[in-house]
Amino acid sequence: MQQVQSVDNPAAGLHTSMFYFCCHTLPEKIKIKETLASMTWYPIPVHYDSFACNLDHNNITIYLHGLPSNQTNLFTWAANVESTLHAAGYTFCVAAFVGTT
């Protein structure tokens, strides 16, 4: 079981963004973080076998995406996150879902 870690510091290395909680209020974000920290976390093997890029909604930022051909483990994990947060009383804004930019 792994702990939730911050990747705000570039020294933490590369990461894979799974959800964006940008449209929630600060108190909601604090509670969401507490709820996620209480989850049981296990390693998720991910094999990136292709890449793609796109412009963000602002047409300024270019994103390079690593794309795993088999996303079953990622979607299973995402469903667990969603059900945990729904059980804690949270609903998602559109930007919170995996893969939405």
PDB file of N, CA and C in Angstrom:
ATOM      1  N   MET A   1       0.850  -1.172   0.000  1.00  0.00           N
ATOM      2  CA  MET A   1       0.000   0.000   0.000  1.00  0.00           C
ATOM      3  C   MET A   1       0.896   1.236   0.000  1.00  0.00           C
ATOM      4  N   GLN A   2       0.580   2.199  -0.873  1.00  0.00           N
ATOM      5  CA  GLN A   2       1.383   3.408  -1.016  1.00  0.00           C
ATOM      6  C   GLN A   2       0.675   4.603  -0.377  1.00  0.00           C
ATOM      7  N   GLN A   3       1.454   5.599   0.035  1.00  0.00           N
ATOM      8  CA  GLN A   3       0.922   6.855   0.555  1.00  0.00           C
ATOM      9  C   GLN A   3       0.679   7.820  -0.598  1.00  0.00           C
ATOM     10  N   VAL A   4      -0.274   8.727  -0.435  1.00  0.00           N
ATOM     11  CA  VAL A   4      -0.480   9.795  -1.410  1.00  0.00           C
ATOM     12  C   VAL A   4       0.688  10.750  -1.287  1.00  0.00           C
ATOM     13  N   GLN A   5       1.320  11.076  -2.408  1.00  0.00           N
ATOM     14  CA  GLN A   5       2.476  11.948  -2.399  1.00  0.00           C
ATOM     15  C   GLN A   5       2.206  13.180  -3.256  1.00  0.00           C
ATOM     16  N   SER A   6       2.817  14.279  -2.884  1.00  0.00           N
ATOM     17  CA  SER A   6       2.720  15.502  -3.669  1.00  0.00           C
ATOM     18  C   SER A   6       3.762  15.478  -4.769  1.00  0.00           C
ATOM     19  N   VAL A   7       3.388  15.927  -5.969  1.00  0.00           N
ATOM     20  CA  VAL A   7       4.345  16.047  -7.065  1.00  0.00           C
ATOM     21  C   VAL A   7       4.464  17.508  -7.495  1.00  0.00           C
ATOM     22  N   ASP A   8       4.141  18.427  -6.575  1.00  0.00           N
ATOM     23  CA  ASP A   8       4.254  19.853  -6.872  1.00  0.00           C
ATOM     24  C   ASP A   8       5.705  20.255  -7.092  1.00  0.00           C
ATOM     25  N   ASN A   9       6.621  19.540  -6.456  1.00  0.00           N
ATOM     26  CA  ASN A   9       8.036  19.835  -6.581  1.00  0.00           C
ATOM     27  C   ASN A   9       8.581  19.073  -7.787  1.00  0.00           C
ATOM     28  N   PRO A  10       9.191  19.775  -8.770  1.00  0.00           N
ATOM     29  CA  PRO A  10       9.728  19.082  -9.945  1.00  0.00           C
ATOM     30  C   PRO A  10      10.735  17.996  -9.603  1.00  0.00           C
ATOM     31  N   ALA A  11      11.358  18.064  -8.439  1.00  0.00           N
ATOM     32  CA  ALA A  11      12.321  17.042  -8.032  1.00  0.00           C
ATOM     33  C   ALA A  11      11.641  15.679  -7.842  1.00  0.00           C
ATOM     34  N   ALA A  12      10.295  15.673  -7.712  1.00  0.00           N
ATOM     35  CA  ALA A  12       9.564  14.418  -7.545  1.00  0.00           C
ATOM     36  C   ALA A  12       9.580  13.596  -8.826  1.00  0.00           C
ATOM     37  N   GLY A  13       9.920  14.207  -9.962  1.00  0.00           N
ATOM     38  CA  GLY A  13       9.993  13.480 -11.227  1.00  0.00           C
ATOM     39  C   GLY A  13       8.700  13.536 -12.019  1.00  0.00           C
ATOM     40  N   LEU A  14       8.644  12.747 -13.072  1.00  0.00           N
ATOM     41  CA  LEU A  14       7.464  12.701 -13.931  1.00  0.00           C
ATOM     42  C   LEU A  14       6.296  12.050 -13.204  1.00  0.00           C
ATOM     43  N   HIS A  15       5.092  12.403 -13.634  1.00  0.00           N
ATOM     44  CA  HIS A  15       3.902  11.799 -13.047  1.00  0.00           C
ATOM     45  C   HIS A  15       2.838  11.634 -14.126  1.00  0.00           C
ATOM     46  N   THR A  16       1.818  10.881 -13.813  1.00  0.00           N
ATOM     47  CA  THR A  16       0.671  10.693 -14.694  1.00  0.00           C
ATOM     48  C   THR A  16      -0.546  11.291 -14.009  1.00  0.00           C
ATOM     49  N   SER A  17      -1.102  12.342 -14.578  1.00  0.00           N
ATOM     50  CA  SER A  17      -2.300  12.971 -14.003  1.00  0.00           C
ATOM     51  C   SER A  17      -3.498  12.065 -14.267  1.00  0.00           C
ATOM     52  N   MET A  18      -4.291  11.848 -13.241  1.00  0.00           N
ATOM     53  CA  MET A  18      -5.443  10.964 -13.361  1.00  0.00           C
ATOM     54  C   MET A  18      -6.772  11.706 -13.238  1.00  0.00           C
ATOM     55  N   PHE A  19      -6.830  12.685 -12.363  1.00  0.00           N
ATOM     56  CA  PHE A  19      -8.029  13.488 -12.155  1.00  0.00           C
ATOM     57  C   PHE A  19      -7.599  14.932 -11.962  1.00  0.00           C
ATOM     58  N   TYR A  20      -8.470  15.852 -12.298  1.00  0.00           N
ATOM     59  CA  TYR A  20      -8.257  17.273 -12.035  1.00  0.00           C
ATOM     60  C   TYR A  20      -9.433  17.751 -11.178  1.00  0.00           C
ATOM     61  N   PHE A  21      -9.123  18.336 -10.050  1.00  0.00           N
ATOM     62  CA  PHE A  21     -10.156  18.826  -9.143  1.00  0.00           C
ATOM     63  C   PHE A  21     -10.147  20.355  -9.095  1.00  0.00           C
ATOM     64  N   CYS A  22      -9.880  20.973 -10.218  1.00  0.00           N
ATOM     65  CA  CYS A  22      -9.694  22.426 -10.289  1.00  0.00           C
ATOM     66  C   CYS A  22     -10.979  23.213 -10.089  1.00  0.00           C
ATOM     67  N   CYS A  23     -12.127  22.638 -10.322  1.00  0.00           N
ATOM     68  CA  CYS A  23     -13.370  23.413 -10.267  1.00  0.00           C
ATOM     69  C   CYS A  23     -14.055  23.331  -8.902  1.00  0.00           C
ATOM     70  N   HIS A  24     -13.374  22.815  -7.909  1.00  0.00           N
ATOM     71  CA  HIS A  24     -13.935  22.726  -6.564  1.00  0.00           C
ATOM     72  C   HIS A  24     -13.425  23.881  -5.704  1.00  0.00           C
ATOM     73  N   THR A  25     -14.174  24.207  -4.684  1.00  0.00           N
ATOM     74  CA  THR A  25     -13.757  25.266  -3.759  1.00  0.00           C
ATOM     75  C   THR A  25     -12.597  24.763  -2.906  1.00  0.00           C
ATOM     76  N   LEU A  26     -11.886  25.677  -2.254  1.00  0.00           N
ATOM     77  CA  LEU A  26     -10.770  25.282  -1.395  1.00  0.00           C
ATOM     78  C   LEU A  26     -11.220  24.329  -0.286  1.00  0.00           C
ATOM     79  N   PRO A  27     -12.322  24.606   0.429  1.00  0.00           N
ATOM     80  CA  PRO A  27     -12.757  23.642   1.450  1.00  0.00           C
ATOM     81  C   PRO A  27     -13.076  22.261   0.856  1.00  0.00           C
ATOM     82  N   GLU A  28     -13.669  22.231  -0.335  1.00  0.00           N
ATOM     83  CA  GLU A  28     -13.949  20.949  -0.982  1.00  0.00           C
ATOM     84  C   GLU A  28     -12.652  20.227  -1.332  1.00  0.00           C
ATOM     85  N   LYS A  29     -11.666  20.967  -1.840  1.00  0.00           N
ATOM     86  CA  LYS A  29     -10.385  20.361  -2.190  1.00  0.00           C
ATOM     87  C   LYS A  29      -9.701  19.764  -0.965  1.00  0.00           C
ATOM     88  N   ILE A  30      -9.784  20.444   0.156  1.00  0.00           N
ATOM     89  CA  ILE A  30      -9.189  19.927   1.392  1.00  0.00           C
ATOM     90  C   ILE A  30      -9.869  18.615   1.790  1.00  0.00           C
ATOM     91  N   LYS A  31     -11.195  18.578   1.733  1.00  0.00           N
ATOM     92  CA  LYS A  31     -11.936  17.366   2.085  1.00  0.00           C
ATOM     93  C   LYS A  31     -11.680  16.250   1.070  1.00  0.00           C
ATOM     94  N   ILE A  32     -11.577  16.585  -0.206  1.00  0.00           N
ATOM     95  CA  ILE A  32     -11.272  15.589  -1.231  1.00  0.00           C
ATOM     96  C   ILE A  32      -9.910  14.970  -0.955  1.00  0.00           C
ATOM     97  N   LYS A  33      -8.925  15.802  -0.628  1.00  0.00           N
ATOM     98  CA  LYS A  33      -7.582  15.295  -0.336  1.00  0.00           C
ATOM     99  C   LYS A  33      -7.615  14.364   0.880  1.00  0.00           C
ATOM    100  N   GLU A  34      -8.364  14.741   1.911  1.00  0.00           N
ATOM    101  CA  GLU A  34      -8.488  13.886   3.094  1.00  0.00           C
ATOM    102  C   GLU A  34      -9.144  12.555   2.732  1.00  0.00           C
ATOM    103  N   THR A  35     -10.191  12.607   1.908  1.00  0.00           N
ATOM    104  CA  THR A  35     -10.891  11.389   1.497  1.00  0.00           C
ATOM    105  C   THR A  35      -9.969  10.479   0.696  1.00  0.00           C
ATOM    106  N   LEU A  36      -9.213  11.062  -0.254  1.00  0.00           N
ATOM    107  CA  LEU A  36      -8.289  10.259  -1.059  1.00  0.00           C
ATOM    108  C   LEU A  36      -7.175   9.664  -0.205  1.00  0.00           C
ATOM    109  N   ALA A  37      -6.715  10.422   0.788  1.00  0.00           N
ATOM    110  CA  ALA A  37      -5.656   9.922   1.672  1.00  0.00           C
ATOM    111  C   ALA A  37      -6.128   8.732   2.500  1.00  0.00           C
ATOM    112  N   SER A  38      -7.441   8.607   2.709  1.00  0.00           N
ATOM    113  CA  SER A  38      -7.967   7.495   3.501  1.00  0.00           C
ATOM    114  C   SER A  38      -8.188   6.231   2.670  1.00  0.00           C
ATOM    115  N   MET A  39      -8.030   6.339   1.346  1.00  0.00           N
ATOM    116  CA  MET A  39      -8.212   5.175   0.477  1.00  0.00           C
ATOM    117  C   MET A  39      -7.052   4.200   0.632  1.00  0.00           C
ATOM    118  N   THR A  40      -7.316   2.947   0.318  1.00  0.00           N
ATOM    119  CA  THR A  40      -6.261   1.952   0.221  1.00  0.00           C
ATOM    120  C   THR A  40      -5.697   2.036  -1.188  1.00  0.00           C
ATOM    121  N   TRP A  41      -4.381   2.211  -1.278  1.00  0.00           N
ATOM    122  CA  TRP A  41      -3.717   2.393  -2.569  1.00  0.00           C
ATOM    123  C   TRP A  41      -2.793   1.226  -2.856  1.00  0.00           C
ATOM    124  N   TYR A  42      -2.832   0.735  -4.066  1.00  0.00           N
ATOM    125  CA  TYR A  42      -1.950  -0.328  -4.507  1.00  0.00           C
ATOM    126  C   TYR A  42      -1.284   0.084  -5.818  1.00  0.00           C
ATOM    127  N   PRO A  43      -0.110  -0.453  -6.109  1.00  0.00           N
ATOM    128  CA  PRO A  43       0.553  -0.133  -7.378  1.00  0.00           C
ATOM    129  C   PRO A  43      -0.321  -0.520  -8.572  1.00  0.00           C
ATOM    130  N   ILE A  44      -0.246   0.288  -9.618  1.00  0.00           N
ATOM    131  CA  ILE A  44      -0.969   0.019 -10.858  1.00  0.00           C
ATOM    132  C   ILE A  44       0.073  -0.073 -11.971  1.00  0.00           C
ATOM    133  N   PRO A  45       0.303  -1.261 -12.516  1.00  0.00           N
ATOM    134  CA  PRO A  45       1.274  -1.344 -13.613  1.00  0.00           C
ATOM    135  C   PRO A  45       0.717  -0.656 -14.864  1.00  0.00           C
ATOM    136  N   VAL A  46       1.503   0.214 -15.449  1.00  0.00           N
ATOM    137  CA  VAL A  46       1.107   0.921 -16.658  1.00  0.00           C
ATOM    138  C   VAL A  46       2.247   0.801 -17.667  1.00  0.00           C
ATOM    139  N   HIS A  47       1.920   0.395 -18.871  1.00  0.00           N
ATOM    140  CA  HIS A  47       2.913   0.276 -19.938  1.00  0.00           C
ATOM    141  C   HIS A  47       2.515   1.240 -21.055  1.00  0.00           C
ATOM    142  N   TYR A  48       3.277   2.309 -21.209  1.00  0.00           N
ATOM    143  CA  TYR A  48       3.018   3.271 -22.274  1.00  0.00           C
ATOM    144  C   TYR A  48       3.639   2.748 -23.560  1.00  0.00           C
ATOM    145  N   ASP A  49       2.801   2.483 -24.559  1.00  0.00           N
ATOM    146  CA  ASP A  49       3.335   1.947 -25.802  1.00  0.00           C
ATOM    147  C   ASP A  49       3.096   2.857 -27.005  1.00  0.00           C
ATOM    148  N   SER A  50       2.509   4.031 -26.774  1.00  0.00           N
ATOM    149  CA  SER A  50       2.407   5.028 -27.833  1.00  0.00           C
ATOM    150  C   SER A  50       2.267   6.411 -27.201  1.00  0.00           C
ATOM    151  N   PHE A  51       2.408   7.421 -28.036  1.00  0.00           N
ATOM    152  CA  PHE A  51       2.361   8.801 -27.562  1.00  0.00           C
ATOM    153  C   PHE A  51       1.568   9.657 -28.542  1.00  0.00           C
ATOM    154  N   ALA A  52       0.998  10.739 -28.039  1.00  0.00           N
ATOM    155  CA  ALA A  52       0.273  11.697 -28.876  1.00  0.00           C
ATOM    156  C   ALA A  52       0.378  13.063 -28.221  1.00  0.00           C
ATOM    157  N   CYS A  53       0.147  14.109 -28.990  1.00  0.00           N
ATOM    158  CA  CYS A  53       0.147  15.436 -28.396  1.00  0.00           C
ATOM    159  C   CYS A  53      -1.063  16.216 -28.882  1.00  0.00           C
ATOM    160  N   ASN A  54      -1.444  17.206 -28.089  1.00  0.00           N
ATOM    161  CA  ASN A  54      -2.557  18.081 -28.449  1.00  0.00           C
ATOM    162  C   ASN A  54      -2.376  19.434 -27.781  1.00  0.00           C
ATOM    163  N   LEU A  55      -3.110  20.423 -28.286  1.00  0.00           N
ATOM    164  CA  LEU A  55      -3.151  21.739 -27.660  1.00  0.00           C
ATOM    165  C   LEU A  55      -4.211  21.726 -26.582  1.00  0.00           C
ATOM    166  N   ASP A  56      -3.936  22.397 -25.475  1.00  0.00           N
ATOM    167  CA  ASP A  56      -4.910  22.527 -24.406  1.00  0.00           C
ATOM    168  C   ASP A  56      -6.024  23.474 -24.854  1.00  0.00           C
ATOM    169  N   HIS A  57      -7.038  23.616 -24.023  1.00  0.00           N
ATOM    170  CA  HIS A  57      -8.185  24.458 -24.339  1.00  0.00           C
ATOM    171  C   HIS A  57      -7.808  25.909 -24.611  1.00  0.00           C
ATOM    172  N   ASN A  58      -6.641  26.349 -24.119  1.00  0.00           N
ATOM    173  CA  ASN A  58      -6.223  27.738 -24.322  1.00  0.00           C
ATOM    174  C   ASN A  58      -5.443  27.930 -25.622  1.00  0.00           C
ATOM    175  N   ASN A  59      -5.223  26.836 -26.367  1.00  0.00           N
ATOM    176  CA  ASN A  59      -4.459  26.859 -27.624  1.00  0.00           C
ATOM    177  C   ASN A  59      -3.051  27.416 -27.456  1.00  0.00           C
ATOM    178  N   ILE A  60      -2.519  27.326 -26.263  1.00  0.00           N
ATOM    179  CA  ILE A  60      -1.154  27.788 -25.982  1.00  0.00           C
ATOM    180  C   ILE A  60      -0.292  26.630 -25.509  1.00  0.00           C
ATOM    181  N   THR A  61      -0.822  25.852 -24.583  1.00  0.00           N
ATOM    182  CA  THR A  61      -0.068  24.766 -23.972  1.00  0.00           C
ATOM    183  C   THR A  61      -0.152  23.510 -24.833  1.00  0.00           C
ATOM    184  N   ILE A  62       0.993  22.907 -25.137  1.00  0.00           N
ATOM    185  CA  ILE A  62       1.038  21.644 -25.863  1.00  0.00           C
ATOM    186  C   ILE A  62       1.297  20.533 -24.848  1.00  0.00           C
ATOM    187  N   TYR A  63       0.462  19.510 -24.888  1.00  0.00           N
ATOM    188  CA  TYR A  63       0.623  18.358 -24.010  1.00  0.00           C
ATOM    189  C   TYR A  63       1.099  17.160 -24.816  1.00  0.00           C
ATOM    190  N   LEU A  64       2.092  16.468 -24.295  1.00  0.00           N
ATOM    191  CA  LEU A  64       2.525  15.196 -24.850  1.00  0.00           C
ATOM    192  C   LEU A  64       1.970  14.112 -23.932  1.00  0.00           C
ATOM    193  N   HIS A  65       1.168  13.226 -24.478  1.00  0.00           N
ATOM    194  CA  HIS A  65       0.513  12.183 -23.688  1.00  0.00           C
ATOM    195  C   HIS A  65       1.132  10.827 -23.975  1.00  0.00           C
ATOM    196  N   GLY A  66       1.490  10.099 -22.918  1.00  0.00           N
ATOM    197  CA  GLY A  66       1.842   8.697 -23.048  1.00  0.00           C
ATOM    198  C   GLY A  66       0.550   7.903 -23.031  1.00  0.00           C
ATOM    199  N   LEU A  67       0.376   7.007 -23.975  1.00  0.00           N
ATOM    200  CA  LEU A  67      -0.884   6.278 -24.105  1.00  0.00           C
ATOM    201  C   LEU A  67      -0.681   4.771 -23.932  1.00  0.00           C
ATOM    202  N   PRO A  68      -1.209   4.214 -22.856  1.00  0.00           N
ATOM    203  CA  PRO A  68      -1.151   2.757 -22.721  1.00  0.00           C
ATOM    204  C   PRO A  68      -2.243   2.118 -23.582  1.00  0.00           C
ATOM    205  N   SER A  69      -1.911   1.060 -24.296  1.00  0.00           N
ATOM    206  CA  SER A  69      -2.919   0.416 -25.151  1.00  0.00           C
ATOM    207  C   SER A  69      -3.971  -0.304 -24.307  1.00  0.00           C
ATOM    208  N   ASN A  70      -3.600  -0.823 -23.148  1.00  0.00           N
ATOM    209  CA  ASN A  70      -4.555  -1.483 -22.260  1.00  0.00           C
ATOM    210  C   ASN A  70      -4.756  -0.578 -21.041  1.00  0.00           C
ATOM    211  N   GLN A  71      -5.948  -0.001 -20.927  1.00  0.00           N
ATOM    212  CA  GLN A  71      -6.235   0.931 -19.844  1.00  0.00           C
ATOM    213  C   GLN A  71      -7.178   0.341 -18.800  1.00  0.00           C
ATOM    214  N   THR A  72      -7.358  -0.962 -18.823  1.00  0.00           N
ATOM    215  CA  THR A  72      -8.280  -1.621 -17.895  1.00  0.00           C
ATOM    216  C   THR A  72      -7.942  -1.320 -16.448  1.00  0.00           C
ATOM    217  N   ASN A  73      -6.673  -1.464 -16.055  1.00  0.00           N
ATOM    218  CA  ASN A  73      -6.278  -1.206 -14.669  1.00  0.00           C
ATOM    219  C   ASN A  73      -6.504   0.250 -14.289  1.00  0.00           C
ATOM    220  N   LEU A  74      -6.257   1.162 -15.221  1.00  0.00           N
ATOM    221  CA  LEU A  74      -6.453   2.591 -14.937  1.00  0.00           C
ATOM    222  C   LEU A  74      -7.932   2.914 -14.740  1.00  0.00           C
ATOM    223  N   PHE A  75      -8.794   2.349 -15.592  1.00  0.00           N
ATOM    224  CA  PHE A  75     -10.226   2.618 -15.447  1.00  0.00           C
ATOM    225  C   PHE A  75     -10.806   1.962 -14.198  1.00  0.00           C
ATOM    226  N   THR A  76     -10.301   0.804 -13.824  1.00  0.00           N
ATOM    227  CA  THR A  76     -10.734   0.166 -12.577  1.00  0.00           C
ATOM    228  C   THR A  76     -10.355   1.039 -11.387  1.00  0.00           C
ATOM    229  N   TRP A  77      -9.117   1.550 -11.399  1.00  0.00           N
ATOM    230  CA  TRP A  77      -8.656   2.444 -10.334  1.00  0.00           C
ATOM    231  C   TRP A  77      -9.494   3.723 -10.309  1.00  0.00           C
ATOM    232  N   ALA A  78      -9.754   4.308 -11.484  1.00  0.00           N
ATOM    233  CA  ALA A  78     -10.545   5.542 -11.561  1.00  0.00           C
ATOM    234  C   ALA A  78     -11.952   5.321 -11.007  1.00  0.00           C
ATOM    235  N   ALA A  79     -12.551   4.182 -11.306  1.00  0.00           N
ATOM    236  CA  ALA A  79     -13.886   3.876 -10.776  1.00  0.00           C
ATOM    237  C   ALA A  79     -13.854   3.783  -9.257  1.00  0.00           C
ATOM    238  N   ASN A  80     -12.774   3.246  -8.689  1.00  0.00           N
ATOM    239  CA  ASN A  80     -12.626   3.170  -7.237  1.00  0.00           C
ATOM    240  C   ASN A  80     -12.529   4.579  -6.638  1.00  0.00           C
ATOM    241  N   VAL A  81     -11.752   5.457  -7.269  1.00  0.00           N
ATOM    242  CA  VAL A  81     -11.642   6.851  -6.797  1.00  0.00           C
ATOM    243  C   VAL A  81     -13.012   7.513  -6.839  1.00  0.00           C
ATOM    244  N   GLU A  82     -13.707   7.380  -7.964  1.00  0.00           N
ATOM    245  CA  GLU A  82     -15.021   8.005  -8.111  1.00  0.00           C
ATOM    246  C   GLU A  82     -16.009   7.494  -7.072  1.00  0.00           C
ATOM    247  N   SER A  83     -16.055   6.172  -6.864  1.00  0.00           N
ATOM    248  CA  SER A  83     -17.013   5.627  -5.895  1.00  0.00           C
ATOM    249  C   SER A  83     -16.667   6.060  -4.475  1.00  0.00           C
ATOM    250  N   THR A  84     -15.373   6.152  -4.149  1.00  0.00           N
ATOM    251  CA  THR A  84     -14.952   6.617  -2.827  1.00  0.00           C
ATOM    252  C   THR A  84     -15.393   8.056  -2.597  1.00  0.00           C
ATOM    253  N   LEU A  85     -15.189   8.914  -3.598  1.00  0.00           N
ATOM    254  CA  LEU A  85     -15.580  10.317  -3.453  1.00  0.00           C
ATOM    255  C   LEU A  85     -17.089  10.489  -3.463  1.00  0.00           C
ATOM    256  N   HIS A  86     -17.798   9.704  -4.288  1.00  0.00           N
ATOM    257  CA  HIS A  86     -19.263   9.766  -4.286  1.00  0.00           C
ATOM    258  C   HIS A  86     -19.808   9.337  -2.924  1.00  0.00           C
ATOM    259  N   ALA A  87     -19.214   8.305  -2.325  1.00  0.00           N
ATOM    260  CA  ALA A  87     -19.651   7.838  -1.005  1.00  0.00           C
ATOM    261  C   ALA A  87     -19.429   8.905   0.063  1.00  0.00           C
ATOM    262  N   ALA A  88     -18.422   9.770  -0.158  1.00  0.00           N
ATOM    263  CA  ALA A  88     -18.144  10.862   0.784  1.00  0.00           C
ATOM    264  C   ALA A  88     -19.002  12.090   0.481  1.00  0.00           C
ATOM    265  N   GLY A  89     -19.855  11.990  -0.545  1.00  0.00           N
ATOM    266  CA  GLY A  89     -20.791  13.075  -0.836  1.00  0.00           C
ATOM    267  C   GLY A  89     -20.356  14.039  -1.918  1.00  0.00           C
ATOM    268  N   TYR A  90     -19.345  13.684  -2.715  1.00  0.00           N
ATOM    269  CA  TYR A  90     -18.863  14.595  -3.751  1.00  0.00           C
ATOM    270  C   TYR A  90     -19.375  14.214  -5.114  1.00  0.00           C
ATOM    271  N   THR A  91     -19.641  15.211  -5.914  1.00  0.00           N
ATOM    272  CA  THR A  91     -19.937  15.016  -7.321  1.00  0.00           C
ATOM    273  C   THR A  91     -18.796  15.646  -8.110  1.00  0.00           C
ATOM    274  N   PHE A  92     -18.643  15.214  -9.341  1.00  0.00           N
ATOM    275  CA  PHE A  92     -17.543  15.686 -10.167  1.00  0.00           C
ATOM    276  C   PHE A  92     -18.006  16.746 -11.146  1.00  0.00           C
ATOM    277  N   CYS A  93     -17.156  17.749 -11.318  1.00  0.00           N
ATOM    278  CA  CYS A  93     -17.378  18.664 -12.427  1.00  0.00           C
ATOM    279  C   CYS A  93     -16.760  18.013 -13.658  1.00  0.00           C
ATOM    280  N   VAL A  94     -17.103  18.465 -14.837  1.00  0.00           N
ATOM    281  CA  VAL A  94     -16.660  17.831 -16.077  1.00  0.00           C
ATOM    282  C   VAL A  94     -15.136  17.715 -16.143  1.00  0.00           C
ATOM    283  N   ALA A  95     -14.403  18.716 -15.693  1.00  0.00           N
ATOM    284  CA  ALA A  95     -12.939  18.708 -15.794  1.00  0.00           C
ATOM    285  C   ALA A  95     -12.288  17.681 -14.886  1.00  0.00           C
ATOM    286  N   ALA A  96     -13.032  17.076 -13.972  1.00  0.00           N
ATOM    287  CA  ALA A  96     -12.432  16.151 -13.011  1.00  0.00           C
ATOM    288  C   ALA A  96     -12.197  14.765 -13.579  1.00  0.00           C
ATOM    289  N   PHE A  97     -12.831  14.415 -14.694  1.00  0.00           N
ATOM    290  CA  PHE A  97     -12.728  13.052 -15.178  1.00  0.00           C
ATOM    291  C   PHE A  97     -11.432  12.769 -15.890  1.00  0.00           C
ATOM    292  N   VAL A  98     -11.014  11.531 -15.818  1.00  0.00           N
ATOM    293  CA  VAL A  98      -9.759  11.081 -16.432  1.00  0.00           C
ATOM    294  C   VAL A  98      -9.794  11.392 -17.928  1.00  0.00           C
ATOM    295  N   GLY A  99      -8.708  11.960 -18.418  1.00  0.00           N
ATOM    296  CA  GLY A  99      -8.564  12.189 -19.840  1.00  0.00           C
ATOM    297  C   GLY A  99      -9.243  13.430 -20.361  1.00  0.00           C
ATOM    298  N   THR A 100      -9.933  14.181 -19.524  1.00  0.00           N
ATOM    299  CA  THR A 100     -10.610  15.399 -19.976  1.00  0.00           C
ATOM    300  C   THR A 100      -9.657  16.558 -19.880  1.00  0.00           C
ATOM    301  N   THR A 101      -9.525  17.298 -20.958  1.00  0.00           N
ATOM    302  CA  THR A 101      -8.665  18.491 -20.922  1.00  0.00           C
ATOM    303  C   THR A 101      -9.458  19.713 -21.317  1.00  0.00           C
TER     304      THR A 101
END
